[in-house]
Amino acid sequence: MHKAGIPLPNDQVNADDVKAVQAMSEKLWKMDLAEQRVALAVLISLCDCIVWWTQRHK
């Protein structure tokens, strides 16, 4: 996403650390709405590809 000009927060977060998860969530929600939508579209596409390849190899 950085190459596309959309910087994503990428802090190390431990799933057991509730405050760190909340802080990362706040950073993501503070992103510009258009950037959020692009990042979500890329993530959805990646997940779709992973599912497709997983099913293809079974």
PDB file of N, CA and C in Angstrom:
ATOM      1  N   MET A   1       0.825  -1.183   0.000  1.00  0.00           N
ATOM      2  CA  MET A   1       0.000   0.000   0.000  1.00  0.00           C
ATOM      3  C   MET A   1       0.879   1.260   0.000  1.00  0.00           C
ATOM      4  N   HIS A   2       2.058   1.128   0.570  1.00  0.00           N
ATOM      5  CA  HIS A   2       2.957   2.283   0.629  1.00  0.00           C
ATOM      6  C   HIS A   2       3.332   2.748  -0.776  1.00  0.00           C
ATOM      7  N   LYS A   3       3.558   1.790  -1.684  1.00  0.00           N
ATOM      8  CA  LYS A   3       3.914   2.157  -3.053  1.00  0.00           C
ATOM      9  C   LYS A   3       2.775   2.891  -3.748  1.00  0.00           C
ATOM     10  N   ALA A   4       1.546   2.619  -3.333  1.00  0.00           N
ATOM     11  CA  ALA A   4       0.382   3.283  -3.920  1.00  0.00           C
ATOM     12  C   ALA A   4       0.119   4.633  -3.268  1.00  0.00           C
ATOM     13  N   GLY A   5       0.932   4.983  -2.279  1.00  0.00           N
ATOM     14  CA  GLY A   5       0.757   6.268  -1.621  1.00  0.00           C
ATOM     15  C   GLY A   5      -0.228   6.239  -0.470  1.00  0.00           C
ATOM     16  N   ILE A   6      -0.540   5.046   0.002  1.00  0.00           N
ATOM     17  CA  ILE A   6      -1.473   4.904   1.120  1.00  0.00           C
ATOM     18  C   ILE A   6      -0.718   4.271   2.289  1.00  0.00           C
ATOM     19  N   PRO A   7      -0.269   5.098   3.212  1.00  0.00           N
ATOM     20  CA  PRO A   7       0.461   4.548   4.353  1.00  0.00           C
ATOM     21  C   PRO A   7      -0.499   3.898   5.359  1.00  0.00           C
ATOM     22  N   LEU A   8      -0.216   2.660   5.697  1.00  0.00           N
ATOM     23  CA  LEU A   8      -1.016   1.956   6.692  1.00  0.00           C
ATOM     24  C   LEU A   8      -0.246   1.904   8.004  1.00  0.00           C
ATOM     25  N   PRO A   9      -0.934   2.101   9.117  1.00  0.00           N
ATOM     26  CA  PRO A   9      -0.256   1.903  10.398  1.00  0.00           C
ATOM     27  C   PRO A   9       0.143   0.434  10.510  1.00  0.00           C
ATOM     28  N   ASN A  10       1.333   0.175  11.011  1.00  0.00           N
ATOM     29  CA  ASN A  10       1.825  -1.192  11.069  1.00  0.00           C
ATOM     30  C   ASN A  10       2.554  -1.435  12.381  1.00  0.00           C
ATOM     31  N   ASP A  11       1.894  -1.128  13.473  1.00  0.00           N
ATOM     32  CA  ASP A  11       2.493  -1.331  14.784  1.00  0.00           C
ATOM     33  C   ASP A  11       2.437  -2.811  15.150  1.00  0.00           C
ATOM     34  N   GLN A  12       3.418  -3.256  15.944  1.00  0.00           N
ATOM     35  CA  GLN A  12       3.382  -4.608  16.474  1.00  0.00           C
ATOM     36  C   GLN A  12       2.290  -4.659  17.544  1.00  0.00           C
ATOM     37  N   VAL A  13       1.337  -5.571  17.368  1.00  0.00           N
ATOM     38  CA  VAL A  13       0.229  -5.667  18.311  1.00  0.00           C
ATOM     39  C   VAL A  13       0.088  -7.110  18.760  1.00  0.00           C
ATOM     40  N   ASN A  14       0.046  -7.285  20.063  1.00  0.00           N
ATOM     41  CA  ASN A  14      -0.212  -8.599  20.642  1.00  0.00           C
ATOM     42  C   ASN A  14      -1.717  -8.689  20.879  1.00  0.00           C
ATOM     43  N   ALA A  15      -2.346  -9.759  20.431  1.00  0.00           N
ATOM     44  CA  ALA A  15      -3.802  -9.897  20.539  1.00  0.00           C
ATOM     45  C   ALA A  15      -4.272  -9.884  21.987  1.00  0.00           C
ATOM     46  N   ASP A  16      -3.388 -10.202  22.924  1.00  0.00           N
ATOM     47  CA  ASP A  16      -3.766 -10.197  24.340  1.00  0.00           C
ATOM     48  C   ASP A  16      -3.700  -8.811  24.965  1.00  0.00           C
ATOM     49  N   ASP A  17      -3.080  -7.872  24.280  1.00  0.00           N
ATOM     50  CA  ASP A  17      -2.928  -6.507  24.792  1.00  0.00           C
ATOM     51  C   ASP A  17      -4.074  -5.650  24.250  1.00  0.00           C
ATOM     52  N   VAL A  18      -5.138  -5.533  25.033  1.00  0.00           N
ATOM     53  CA  VAL A  18      -6.361  -4.859  24.602  1.00  0.00           C
ATOM     54  C   VAL A  18      -6.099  -3.401  24.261  1.00  0.00           C
ATOM     55  N   LYS A  19      -5.290  -2.728  25.042  1.00  0.00           N
ATOM     56  CA  LYS A  19      -5.027  -1.306  24.790  1.00  0.00           C
ATOM     57  C   LYS A  19      -4.281  -1.100  23.471  1.00  0.00           C
ATOM     58  N   ALA A  20      -3.342  -1.991  23.162  1.00  0.00           N
ATOM     59  CA  ALA A  20      -2.609  -1.876  21.910  1.00  0.00           C
ATOM     60  C   ALA A  20      -3.533  -2.135  20.719  1.00  0.00           C
ATOM     61  N   VAL A  21      -4.434  -3.087  20.856  1.00  0.00           N
ATOM     62  CA  VAL A  21      -5.390  -3.380  19.788  1.00  0.00           C
ATOM     63  C   VAL A  21      -6.314  -2.186  19.576  1.00  0.00           C
ATOM     64  N   GLN A  22      -6.778  -1.592  20.663  1.00  0.00           N
ATOM     65  CA  GLN A  22      -7.644  -0.420  20.559  1.00  0.00           C
ATOM     66  C   GLN A  22      -6.905   0.756  19.924  1.00  0.00           C
ATOM     67  N   ALA A  23      -5.652   0.943  20.282  1.00  0.00           N
ATOM     68  CA  ALA A  23      -4.862   2.036  19.719  1.00  0.00           C
ATOM     69  C   ALA A  23      -4.674   1.842  18.211  1.00  0.00           C
ATOM     70  N   MET A  24      -4.410   0.606  17.796  1.00  0.00           N
ATOM     71  CA  MET A  24      -4.252   0.329  16.369  1.00  0.00           C
ATOM     72  C   MET A  24      -5.575   0.531  15.648  1.00  0.00           C
ATOM     73  N   SER A  25      -6.655   0.117  16.257  1.00  0.00           N
ATOM     74  CA  SER A  25      -7.980   0.309  15.671  1.00  0.00           C
ATOM     75  C   SER A  25      -8.275   1.798  15.466  1.00  0.00           C
ATOM     76  N   GLU A  26      -7.933   2.601  16.451  1.00  0.00           N
ATOM     77  CA  GLU A  26      -8.153   4.046  16.325  1.00  0.00           C
ATOM     78  C   GLU A  26      -7.338   4.636  15.183  1.00  0.00           C
ATOM     79  N   LYS A  27      -6.101   4.173  15.021  1.00  0.00           N
ATOM     80  CA  LYS A  27      -5.270   4.664  13.923  1.00  0.00           C
ATOM     81  C   LYS A  27      -5.891   4.320  12.573  1.00  0.00           C
ATOM     82  N   LEU A  28      -6.428   3.104  12.464  1.00  0.00           N
ATOM     83  CA  LEU A  28      -7.051   2.690  11.206  1.00  0.00           C
ATOM     84  C   LEU A  28      -8.305   3.507  10.916  1.00  0.00           C
ATOM     85  N   TRP A  29      -9.109   3.785  11.947  1.00  0.00           N
ATOM     86  CA  TRP A  29     -10.343   4.557  11.744  1.00  0.00           C
ATOM     87  C   TRP A  29     -10.057   6.024  11.469  1.00  0.00           C
ATOM     88  N   LYS A  30      -8.875   6.513  11.832  1.00  0.00           N
ATOM     89  CA  LYS A  30      -8.523   7.913  11.576  1.00  0.00           C
ATOM     90  C   LYS A  30      -8.005   8.135  10.157  1.00  0.00           C
ATOM     91  N   MET A  31      -7.811   7.045   9.411  1.00  0.00           N
ATOM     92  CA  MET A  31      -7.362   7.175   8.024  1.00  0.00           C
ATOM     93  C   MET A  31      -8.451   7.852   7.205  1.00  0.00           C
ATOM     94  N   ASP A  32      -8.044   8.482   6.119  1.00  0.00           N
ATOM     95  CA  ASP A  32      -8.978   9.089   5.186  1.00  0.00           C
ATOM     96  C   ASP A  32      -9.932   8.011   4.669  1.00  0.00           C
ATOM     97  N   LEU A  33     -11.204   8.355   4.488  1.00  0.00           N
ATOM     98  CA  LEU A  33     -12.212   7.385   4.078  1.00  0.00           C
ATOM     99  C   LEU A  33     -11.868   6.719   2.744  1.00  0.00           C
ATOM    100  N   ALA A  34     -11.375   7.482   1.796  1.00  0.00           N
ATOM    101  CA  ALA A  34     -11.009   6.910   0.499  1.00  0.00           C
ATOM    102  C   ALA A  34      -9.862   5.913   0.662  1.00  0.00           C
ATOM    103  N   GLU A  35      -8.894   6.237   1.508  1.00  0.00           N
ATOM    104  CA  GLU A  35      -7.774   5.327   1.749  1.00  0.00           C
ATOM    105  C   GLU A  35      -8.249   4.060   2.464  1.00  0.00           C
ATOM    106  N   GLN A  36      -9.199   4.207   3.383  1.00  0.00           N
ATOM    107  CA  GLN A  36      -9.771   3.035   4.049  1.00  0.00           C
ATOM    108  C   GLN A  36     -10.421   2.107   3.032  1.00  0.00           C
ATOM    109  N   ARG A  37     -11.170   2.674   2.116  1.00  0.00           N
ATOM    110  CA  ARG A  37     -11.875   1.871   1.116  1.00  0.00           C
ATOM    111  C   ARG A  37     -10.906   1.150   0.186  1.00  0.00           C
ATOM    112  N   VAL A  38      -9.841   1.828  -0.219  1.00  0.00           N
ATOM    113  CA  VAL A  38      -8.847   1.190  -1.086  1.00  0.00           C
ATOM    114  C   VAL A  38      -8.159   0.056  -0.332  1.00  0.00           C
ATOM    115  N   ALA A  39      -7.762   0.305   0.895  1.00  0.00           N
ATOM    116  CA  ALA A  39      -7.091  -0.720   1.689  1.00  0.00           C
ATOM    117  C   ALA A  39      -8.008  -1.923   1.911  1.00  0.00           C
ATOM    118  N   LEU A  40      -9.276  -1.672   2.175  1.00  0.00           N
ATOM    119  CA  LEU A  40     -10.225  -2.765   2.372  1.00  0.00           C
ATOM    120  C   LEU A  40     -10.442  -3.543   1.085  1.00  0.00           C
ATOM    121  N   ALA A  41     -10.508  -2.868  -0.041  1.00  0.00           N
ATOM    122  CA  ALA A  41     -10.682  -3.545  -1.328  1.00  0.00           C
ATOM    123  C   ALA A  41      -9.485  -4.447  -1.622  1.00  0.00           C
ATOM    124  N   VAL A  42      -8.285  -3.975  -1.328  1.00  0.00           N
ATOM    125  CA  VAL A  42      -7.087  -4.785  -1.542  1.00  0.00           C
ATOM    126  C   VAL A  42      -7.096  -5.991  -0.612  1.00  0.00           C
ATOM    127  N   LEU A  43      -7.466  -5.792   0.633  1.00  0.00           N
ATOM    128  CA  LEU A  43      -7.517  -6.893   1.596  1.00  0.00           C
ATOM    129  C   LEU A  43      -8.550  -7.942   1.183  1.00  0.00           C
ATOM    130  N   ILE A  44      -9.721  -7.499   0.735  1.00  0.00           N
ATOM    131  CA  ILE A  44     -10.755  -8.421   0.285  1.00  0.00           C
ATOM    132  C   ILE A  44     -10.262  -9.219  -0.917  1.00  0.00           C
ATOM    133  N   SER A  45      -9.609  -8.546  -1.850  1.00  0.00           N
ATOM    134  CA  SER A  45      -9.082  -9.222  -3.025  1.00  0.00           C
ATOM    135  C   SER A  45      -8.032 -10.261  -2.633  1.00  0.00           C
ATOM    136  N   LEU A  46      -7.161  -9.919  -1.714  1.00  0.00           N
ATOM    137  CA  LEU A  46      -6.138 -10.851  -1.239  1.00  0.00           C
ATOM    138  C   LEU A  46      -6.784 -12.078  -0.606  1.00  0.00           C
ATOM    139  N   CYS A  47      -7.775 -11.853   0.248  1.00  0.00           N
ATOM    140  CA  CYS A  47      -8.459 -12.978   0.905  1.00  0.00           C
ATOM    141  C   CYS A  47      -9.165 -13.862  -0.119  1.00  0.00           C
ATOM    142  N   ASP A  48      -9.813 -13.252  -1.109  1.00  0.00           N
ATOM    143  CA  ASP A  48     -10.464 -14.026  -2.169  1.00  0.00           C
ATOM    144  C   ASP A  48      -9.455 -14.893  -2.912  1.00  0.00           C
ATOM    145  N   CYS A  49      -8.294 -14.335  -3.197  1.00  0.00           N
ATOM    146  CA  CYS A  49      -7.252 -15.099  -3.894  1.00  0.00           C
ATOM    147  C   CYS A  49      -6.748 -16.260  -3.047  1.00  0.00           C
ATOM    148  N   ILE A  50      -6.560 -16.011  -1.773  1.00  0.00           N
ATOM    149  CA  ILE A  50      -6.091 -17.076  -0.873  1.00  0.00           C
ATOM    150  C   ILE A  50      -7.112 -18.203  -0.824  1.00  0.00           C
ATOM    151  N   VAL A  51      -8.390 -17.864  -0.703  1.00  0.00           N
ATOM    152  CA  VAL A  51      -9.442 -18.883  -0.678  1.00  0.00           C
ATOM    153  C   VAL A  51      -9.467 -19.645  -1.993  1.00  0.00           C
ATOM    154  N   TRP A  52      -9.374 -18.941  -3.124  1.00  0.00           N
ATOM    155  CA  TRP A  52      -9.419 -19.579  -4.440  1.00  0.00           C
ATOM    156  C   TRP A  52      -8.274 -20.575  -4.585  1.00  0.00           C
ATOM    157  N   TRP A  53      -7.049 -20.141  -4.241  1.00  0.00           N
ATOM    158  CA  TRP A  53      -5.890 -21.024  -4.384  1.00  0.00           C
ATOM    159  C   TRP A  53      -5.965 -22.200  -3.418  1.00  0.00           C
ATOM    160  N   THR A  54      -6.478 -21.961  -2.220  1.00  0.00           N
ATOM    161  CA  THR A  54      -6.618 -23.054  -1.256  1.00  0.00           C
ATOM    162  C   THR A  54      -7.575 -24.110  -1.785  1.00  0.00           C
ATOM    163  N   GLN A  55      -8.709 -23.669  -2.331  1.00  0.00           N
ATOM    164  CA  GLN A  55      -9.680 -24.609  -2.873  1.00  0.00           C
ATOM    165  C   GLN A  55      -9.150 -25.282  -4.134  1.00  0.00           C
ATOM    166  N   ARG A  56      -8.385 -24.582  -4.902  1.00  0.00           N
ATOM    167  CA  ARG A  56      -7.850 -25.131  -6.141  1.00  0.00           C
ATOM    168  C   ARG A  56      -6.868 -26.268  -5.871  1.00  0.00           C
ATOM    169  N   HIS A  57      -6.083 -26.159  -4.798  1.00  0.00           N
ATOM    170  CA  HIS A  57      -5.075 -27.162  -4.495  1.00  0.00           C
ATOM    171  C   HIS A  57      -5.612 -28.357  -3.724  1.00  0.00           C
ATOM    172  N   LYS A  58      -6.861 -28.309  -3.320  1.00  0.00           N
ATOM    173  CA  LYS A  58      -7.429 -29.448  -2.571  1.00  0.00           C
ATOM    174  C   LYS A  58      -7.920 -30.507  -3.494  1.00  0.00           C
TER     175      LYS A  58
END
